[in-house]
Amino acid sequence: MAFNHGLKPGDTITNEQLAKTFKCSKQGGMRRSLRTNTLVIISDHSRSIYEDKWEGDIFYYTGMGLRGHQDLNYAQNKTLSQSNENGVEVHLFEVFKPQQYTYIGQVKLVGKPFQEEQPDADGNLRKVWIFPLKVMNEVNISEELVIEKQKFKEKQAQRITDEELTERVKYSKKKIGTRQVSTKTYERDPYISEYARRRAKGICQLCEKPAPFKDKKGNPFLEIHHIIWLSKGGEDSIENTVALCPNCHRKMHTLNLKEDVEKLQNKISSS
């Protein structure tokens, strides 16, 4: 019999309300409750060391374990990996703003868990387990929440050192994350964007002139552009991302001249 939690997709509650509703712990990203026979999994975009991603209607969730290689048979990794057989209901929450838990819905494992290499909490390369999940209901998330999350992650990227940023982009996924909201939006990797800005050193990579002005923090204002557009299958990678002045950025989206595309590709490949 399904657990009646009374939540609708898109509802936002506090951590205390979540724990009380599902009768689970207030801590951790994977919370098992024997009393309700549920597993609550939380993708906290405001503090996670890794970034879970949507690709269409599939959510790729990273398992338990902040340090060292993750073990598929450890604790709730095992529960989630066997959730299609053990009868445990799995419910997904996302945190777009600190301390605000947005209910996405009940999810189901739709493929075999697989491994990826990612840095751990100490920056050491390790293997993690990725779980492909599909929501069993219609997702109702506002575009504003996703935009706010993107801005928050961009601020996080701006605060780390050049060395940390260089290490971070080594393990960024090149495939762009997408999700259905009020309209379809692309979830760009903020660390790739920040890397491209710093690599440009305040100079537009197309017209090769200094940024036209500085932002409120005194940084040269350049806009991020994907040489091969994301909507046309381009990768969200440092090889496909450049920093342009607003004029050149508008030019690329208006004309997208072959010679300009080739110039940007050659500039990146030789940098």
Protein backbone atom coordinates (compact mmCIF):
# COMPACT_ATOMS: atom_id res chain seq x y z
CA MET A 1 0.00 0.00 0.00
CA ALA A 2 1.41 3.39 -1.03
CA PHE A 3 2.49 5.78 1.71
CA ASN A 4 0.14 8.78 1.98
CA HIS A 5 2.41 11.76 2.62
CA GLY A 6 -0.01 14.44 1.41
CA LEU A 7 2.55 16.30 -0.71
CA LYS A 8 2.10 17.46 -4.29
CA PRO A 9 5.01 17.82 -6.74
CA GLY A 10 6.36 21.35 -6.40
CA ASP A 11 5.46 21.70 -2.70
CA THR A 12 8.29 23.19 -0.63
CA ILE A 13 8.71 22.28 3.05
CA THR A 14 11.31 22.61 5.80
CA ASN A 15 13.71 19.90 6.88
CA GLU A 16 11.73 19.46 10.10
CA GLN A 17 8.48 18.96 8.15
CA LEU A 18 10.18 16.46 5.85
CA ALA A 19 11.48 14.39 8.78
CA LYS A 20 8.11 14.49 10.51
CA THR A 21 6.16 13.55 7.36
CA PHE A 22 8.32 10.60 6.35
CA LYS A 23 9.36 9.70 9.93
CA CYS A 24 13.00 9.73 8.93
CA SER A 25 16.24 11.37 10.05
CA LYS A 26 16.84 15.11 9.69
CA GLN A 27 20.32 14.48 8.31
CA GLY A 28 21.87 12.97 5.21
CA GLY A 29 21.13 12.89 1.52
CA MET A 30 19.58 9.40 1.66
CA ARG A 31 17.15 8.82 4.53
CA ARG A 32 15.61 5.39 5.12
CA SER A 33 12.42 5.09 7.18
CA LEU A 34 11.33 1.64 8.35
CA ARG A 35 8.12 3.12 9.82
CA THR A 36 6.88 4.37 6.43
CA ASN A 37 8.86 1.90 4.26
CA THR A 38 10.32 4.79 2.27
CA LEU A 39 13.69 6.07 1.17
CA VAL A 40 13.90 9.85 0.87
CA ILE A 41 16.72 11.02 -1.39
CA ILE A 42 17.75 14.66 -1.42
CA SER A 43 19.67 16.50 -4.12
CA ASP A 44 20.89 19.62 -2.34
CA HIS A 45 22.15 22.01 -5.02
CA SER A 46 23.00 24.61 -2.36
CA ARG A 47 25.76 22.57 -0.71
CA SER A 48 26.52 19.32 -2.55
CA ILE A 49 30.12 18.64 -3.64
CA TYR A 50 28.77 17.00 -6.80
CA GLU A 51 25.98 17.99 -9.15
CA ASP A 52 23.15 15.59 -9.84
CA LYS A 53 21.69 16.21 -13.28
CA TRP A 54 18.50 15.85 -15.26
CA GLU A 55 18.72 14.65 -18.84
CA GLY A 56 15.20 14.94 -20.16
CA ASP A 57 12.96 12.98 -17.79
CA ILE A 58 15.82 10.94 -16.26
CA PHE A 59 17.53 12.15 -13.08
CA TYR A 60 21.09 10.94 -12.47
CA TYR A 61 21.57 10.79 -8.72
CA THR A 62 24.95 10.32 -7.01
CA GLY A 63 25.07 7.79 -4.18
CA MET A 64 26.22 7.97 -0.54
CA GLY A 65 29.80 8.60 0.52
CA LEU A 66 31.66 11.92 0.60
CA ARG A 67 35.18 10.47 0.75
CA GLY A 68 36.86 7.56 -0.96
CA HIS A 69 35.31 5.14 -3.44
CA GLN A 70 31.59 4.60 -3.00
CA ASP A 71 30.30 1.09 -2.30
CA LEU A 72 27.12 -0.04 -4.04
CA ASN A 73 26.37 -2.41 -1.14
CA TYR A 74 26.82 0.27 1.52
CA ALA A 75 23.79 1.44 3.53
CA GLN A 76 21.21 3.26 1.39
CA ASN A 77 23.14 2.77 -1.83
CA LYS A 78 22.11 -0.87 -1.49
CA THR A 79 18.52 0.08 -0.64
CA LEU A 80 18.23 2.28 -3.73
CA SER A 81 19.94 -0.23 -6.02
CA GLN A 82 17.45 -2.92 -4.95
CA SER A 83 14.40 -0.64 -4.75
CA ASN A 84 12.62 -2.32 -7.66
CA GLU A 85 12.67 -5.61 -5.72
CA ASN A 86 12.58 -4.69 -2.03
CA GLY A 87 9.27 -2.79 -2.08
CA VAL A 88 10.71 0.42 -0.65
CA GLU A 89 9.14 3.62 -2.02
CA VAL A 90 11.72 6.18 -3.15
CA HIS A 91 10.83 9.88 -2.94
CA LEU A 92 12.94 12.68 -4.40
CA PHE A 93 13.43 16.19 -3.02
CA GLU A 94 15.59 18.94 -4.51
CA VAL A 95 17.00 21.91 -2.59
CA PHE A 96 17.27 25.01 -4.78
CA LYS A 97 17.54 27.42 -1.84
CA PRO A 98 19.18 26.59 1.51
CA GLN A 99 16.77 24.90 3.94
CA GLN A 100 13.90 24.73 1.43
CA TYR A 101 13.06 21.19 0.32
CA THR A 102 11.01 20.95 -2.89
CA TYR A 103 9.14 17.69 -3.42
CA ILE A 104 9.68 16.31 -6.92
CA GLY A 105 7.77 13.06 -6.55
CA GLN A 106 8.11 9.29 -6.25
CA VAL A 107 10.90 7.94 -8.44
CA LYS A 108 11.83 4.57 -9.88
CA LEU A 109 15.19 3.12 -10.84
CA VAL A 110 15.08 2.76 -14.63
CA GLY A 111 18.54 1.44 -15.40
CA LYS A 112 21.50 -0.26 -13.80
CA PRO A 113 23.59 1.95 -11.50
CA PHE A 114 26.93 2.80 -13.09
CA GLN A 115 30.22 4.29 -11.95
CA GLU A 116 31.85 7.63 -12.72
CA GLU A 117 35.04 9.29 -11.54
CA GLN A 118 34.56 12.44 -9.46
CA PRO A 119 36.60 14.29 -6.82
CA ASP A 120 35.56 13.65 -3.21
CA ALA A 121 35.17 16.18 -0.38
CA ASP A 122 38.97 16.39 -0.06
CA GLY A 123 39.54 16.83 -3.79
CA ASN A 124 40.82 13.28 -4.30
CA LEU A 125 39.66 11.40 -7.39
CA ARG A 126 37.37 8.49 -6.58
CA LYS A 127 34.65 6.32 -8.10
CA VAL A 128 31.01 7.11 -7.35
CA TRP A 129 27.78 5.28 -8.15
CA ILE A 130 25.19 7.01 -10.34
CA PHE A 131 21.53 5.96 -10.18
CA PRO A 132 19.29 6.69 -13.21
CA LEU A 133 15.85 7.58 -11.83
CA LYS A 134 12.55 8.52 -13.42
CA VAL A 135 9.76 10.42 -11.71
CA MET A 136 6.47 8.52 -11.68
CA ASN A 137 4.37 11.67 -11.86
CA GLU A 138 4.30 14.96 -13.75
CA VAL A 139 7.02 17.31 -12.50
CA ASN A 140 5.82 20.80 -11.64
CA ILE A 141 8.88 22.99 -10.99
CA SER A 142 8.96 26.69 -11.80
CA GLU A 143 11.63 28.03 -14.12
CA GLU A 144 12.44 30.69 -11.50
CA LEU A 145 13.69 28.03 -9.06
CA VAL A 146 16.07 26.56 -11.64
CA ILE A 147 17.35 30.03 -12.58
CA GLU A 148 17.96 30.86 -8.90
CA LYS A 149 19.86 27.60 -8.47
CA GLN A 150 22.00 28.42 -11.50
CA LYS A 151 22.85 31.86 -10.08
CA PHE A 152 23.69 30.35 -6.70
CA LYS A 153 26.06 27.79 -8.26
CA GLU A 154 27.70 30.52 -10.35
CA LYS A 155 28.46 32.47 -7.17
CA GLN A 156 29.96 29.31 -5.67
CA ALA A 157 32.20 28.93 -8.73
CA GLN A 158 33.39 32.54 -8.43
CA ARG A 159 34.60 31.97 -4.86
CA ILE A 160 37.01 29.10 -5.53
CA THR A 161 40.69 29.42 -6.49
CA ASP A 162 42.09 28.98 -9.99
CA GLU A 163 43.63 25.66 -8.92
CA GLU A 164 40.34 24.34 -7.53
CA LEU A 165 38.50 25.49 -10.64
CA THR A 166 40.98 23.76 -12.95
CA GLU A 167 40.54 20.50 -11.03
CA ARG A 168 36.76 20.85 -10.98
CA VAL A 169 36.34 21.25 -14.73
CA LYS A 170 38.44 18.14 -15.37
CA TYR A 171 35.56 16.01 -14.14
CA SER A 172 32.61 18.05 -15.38
CA LYS A 173 30.14 16.21 -17.58
CA LYS A 174 30.21 17.44 -21.17
CA LYS A 175 26.60 16.46 -21.77
CA ILE A 176 24.31 19.35 -20.94
CA GLY A 177 21.64 18.85 -18.30
CA THR A 178 18.05 19.58 -19.30
CA ARG A 179 14.79 19.50 -17.43
CA GLN A 180 11.17 20.34 -18.09
CA VAL A 181 9.91 23.37 -16.20
CA SER A 182 7.50 26.09 -17.33
CA THR A 183 9.69 26.08 -20.46
CA LYS A 184 12.66 23.92 -21.37
CA THR A 185 15.85 25.32 -19.87
CA TYR A 186 19.52 24.27 -20.01
CA GLU A 187 21.42 23.76 -16.76
CA ARG A 188 24.94 24.87 -17.68
CA ASP A 189 27.88 23.87 -15.52
CA PRO A 190 28.82 27.05 -13.59
CA TYR A 191 32.43 25.92 -13.22
CA ILE A 192 32.85 25.63 -16.99
CA SER A 193 31.41 29.16 -17.37
CA GLU A 194 33.70 30.60 -14.71
CA TYR A 195 36.73 28.85 -16.22
CA ALA A 196 35.95 30.37 -19.64
CA ARG A 197 35.70 33.87 -18.14
CA ARG A 198 39.04 33.59 -16.36
CA ARG A 199 40.74 32.07 -19.40
CA ALA A 200 39.70 35.09 -21.48
CA LYS A 201 41.48 37.45 -19.04
CA GLY A 202 39.04 40.27 -19.77
CA ILE A 203 39.47 40.10 -23.57
CA CYS A 204 36.64 39.17 -25.94
CA GLN A 205 37.71 35.99 -27.68
CA LEU A 206 36.16 37.02 -30.99
CA CYS A 207 36.95 40.72 -31.57
CA GLU A 208 39.97 40.49 -29.21
CA LYS A 209 39.13 43.82 -27.57
CA PRO A 210 38.89 44.47 -23.81
CA ALA A 211 35.49 43.98 -22.17
CA PRO A 212 33.40 47.15 -22.68
CA PHE A 213 32.90 47.71 -18.94
CA LYS A 214 33.33 46.16 -15.52
CA ASP A 215 30.56 44.74 -13.35
CA LYS A 216 29.73 45.94 -9.82
CA LYS A 217 32.51 43.75 -8.40
CA GLY A 218 35.09 45.24 -10.76
CA ASN A 219 35.34 42.20 -13.02
CA PRO A 220 35.47 42.59 -16.83
CA PHE A 221 31.99 41.99 -18.21
CA LEU A 222 31.99 39.18 -20.76
CA GLU A 223 29.14 36.84 -21.65
CA ILE A 224 29.37 33.07 -21.96
CA HIS A 225 28.74 31.51 -25.37
CA HIS A 226 28.79 27.92 -26.61
CA ILE A 227 30.49 27.78 -30.01
CA ILE A 228 28.24 24.93 -31.09
CA TRP A 229 24.91 25.88 -29.56
CA LEU A 230 23.51 23.61 -26.86
CA SER A 231 20.21 23.50 -28.74
CA LYS A 232 22.12 22.02 -31.70
CA GLY A 233 23.88 19.35 -29.68
CA GLY A 234 26.94 21.31 -28.53
CA GLU A 235 28.78 20.17 -25.41
CA ASP A 236 28.92 22.09 -22.15
CA SER A 237 32.71 21.78 -22.06
CA ILE A 238 35.74 24.07 -21.85
CA GLU A 239 36.49 23.19 -25.49
CA ASN A 240 33.10 24.53 -26.60
CA THR A 241 32.74 27.51 -24.25
CA VAL A 242 34.07 31.04 -24.82
CA ALA A 243 33.71 34.49 -23.26
CA LEU A 244 32.52 37.28 -25.56
CA CYS A 245 31.68 40.95 -25.30
CA PRO A 246 27.90 41.62 -25.54
CA ASN A 247 28.25 42.89 -29.11
CA CYS A 248 30.05 39.78 -30.37
CA HIS A 249 27.72 37.54 -28.40
CA ARG A 250 24.73 39.11 -30.15
CA LYS A 251 26.55 38.79 -33.47
CA MET A 252 27.08 35.05 -32.93
CA HIS A 253 23.41 34.49 -32.12
CA THR A 254 22.26 36.61 -35.04
CA LEU A 255 24.68 35.58 -37.80
CA ASN A 256 26.74 32.64 -36.49
CA LEU A 257 29.18 33.08 -39.36
CA LYS A 258 31.29 30.07 -40.29
CA GLU A 259 34.51 32.10 -40.15
CA ASP A 260 33.69 33.30 -36.63
CA VAL A 261 32.91 29.78 -35.46
CA GLU A 262 36.21 28.52 -36.89
CA LYS A 263 38.14 31.42 -35.34
CA LEU A 264 36.75 30.64 -31.89
CA GLN A 265 37.42 26.91 -32.28
CA ASN A 266 41.00 27.54 -33.37
CA LYS A 267 41.56 30.00 -30.53
CA ILE A 268 40.37 27.51 -27.92
CA SER A 269 42.29 24.58 -29.40
CA SER A 270 45.52 26.57 -29.35
CA SER A 271 45.07 27.99 -25.83
